[in-house]
Amino acid sequence: GVGAARAGNLTFMVGGVEQEFDAAKELLTCMGSNVIYCGEVGTGQAAKICNNMLLAISMIGTAEAMNLGIR
């Protein structure tokens, strides 16, 4: 989010050639506190999608519990 970006606390999940990741890591650490190498091209994006799906499931569960409590 915007707050994490301003604070330099972003997490980067990166896929690609490992040597290129090593070269880019120094720049990424200027913007984020967590830089994770995930493997070949596309794996960083897959990891982010999985993370977002898990967050969405958690948010849906919280909303359902609140709805049940209100009823």
Protein backbone atom coordinates (compact mmCIF):
# COMPACT_ATOMS: atom_id res chain seq x y z
CA GLY A 1 0.00 0.00 0.00
CA VAL A 2 0.87 3.67 -0.12
CA GLY A 3 1.88 3.82 3.55
CA ALA A 4 4.31 0.92 3.22
CA ALA A 5 5.76 2.47 0.06
CA ARG A 6 6.36 5.81 1.78
CA ALA A 7 7.96 4.04 4.75
CA GLY A 8 10.12 1.84 2.51
CA ASN A 9 8.54 -1.32 3.92
CA LEU A 10 7.33 -2.94 0.71
CA THR A 11 7.81 -6.63 0.03
CA PHE A 12 9.06 -7.68 -3.40
CA MET A 13 8.54 -11.24 -4.59
CA VAL A 14 10.82 -11.54 -7.59
CA GLY A 15 11.13 -14.11 -10.34
CA GLY A 16 13.76 -14.23 -13.03
CA VAL A 17 17.35 -15.15 -13.68
CA GLU A 18 19.13 -15.32 -10.32
CA GLN A 19 22.13 -13.27 -11.48
CA GLU A 20 19.77 -10.50 -12.63
CA PHE A 21 17.93 -10.67 -9.32
CA ASP A 22 21.23 -10.25 -7.48
CA ALA A 23 21.97 -7.16 -9.57
CA ALA A 24 18.51 -5.63 -8.95
CA LYS A 25 18.28 -6.53 -5.25
CA GLU A 26 20.29 -3.49 -4.14
CA LEU A 27 17.83 -1.15 -5.84
CA LEU A 28 14.80 -3.03 -4.54
CA THR A 29 16.05 -2.84 -0.95
CA CYS A 30 15.93 0.97 -1.26
CA MET A 31 12.16 0.69 -1.68
CA GLY A 32 11.33 -2.32 0.44
CA SER A 33 12.41 -4.15 3.54
CA ASN A 34 11.69 -7.65 2.17
CA VAL A 35 13.10 -8.79 -1.18
CA ILE A 36 12.45 -12.46 -1.83
CA TYR A 37 13.78 -14.46 -4.77
CA CYS A 38 11.08 -16.93 -5.87
CA GLY A 39 12.73 -18.68 -8.82
CA GLU A 40 12.31 -18.47 -12.56
CA VAL A 41 10.35 -15.83 -14.48
CA GLY A 42 6.72 -15.67 -13.34
CA THR A 43 7.19 -17.27 -9.92
CA GLY A 44 7.29 -13.92 -8.11
CA GLN A 45 3.98 -12.99 -9.67
CA ALA A 46 2.52 -16.39 -8.74
CA ALA A 47 3.67 -15.93 -5.14
CA LYS A 48 2.02 -12.50 -4.99
CA ILE A 49 -1.25 -13.88 -6.38
CA CYS A 50 -1.22 -16.63 -3.74
CA ASN A 51 -0.53 -14.06 -1.01
CA ASN A 52 -3.38 -11.83 -2.23
CA MET A 53 -5.76 -14.80 -2.39
CA LEU A 54 -4.91 -15.76 1.19
CA LEU A 55 -5.51 -12.18 2.33
CA ALA A 56 -8.87 -12.09 0.51
CA ILE A 57 -9.94 -15.37 2.14
CA SER A 58 -9.05 -13.95 5.55
CA MET A 59 -11.00 -10.76 4.86
CA ILE A 60 -14.05 -12.72 3.67
CA GLY A 61 -13.94 -14.85 6.84
CA THR A 62 -13.77 -11.73 9.02
CA ALA A 63 -16.68 -10.14 7.17
CA GLU A 64 -18.79 -13.31 7.50
CA ALA A 65 -18.04 -13.52 11.23
CA MET A 66 -19.04 -9.87 11.71
CA ASN A 67 -22.23 -10.43 9.73
CA LEU A 68 -23.08 -13.47 11.84
CA GLY A 69 -22.39 -11.53 15.04
CA ILE A 70 -24.65 -8.67 13.95
CA ARG A 71 -27.50 -11.04 13.14
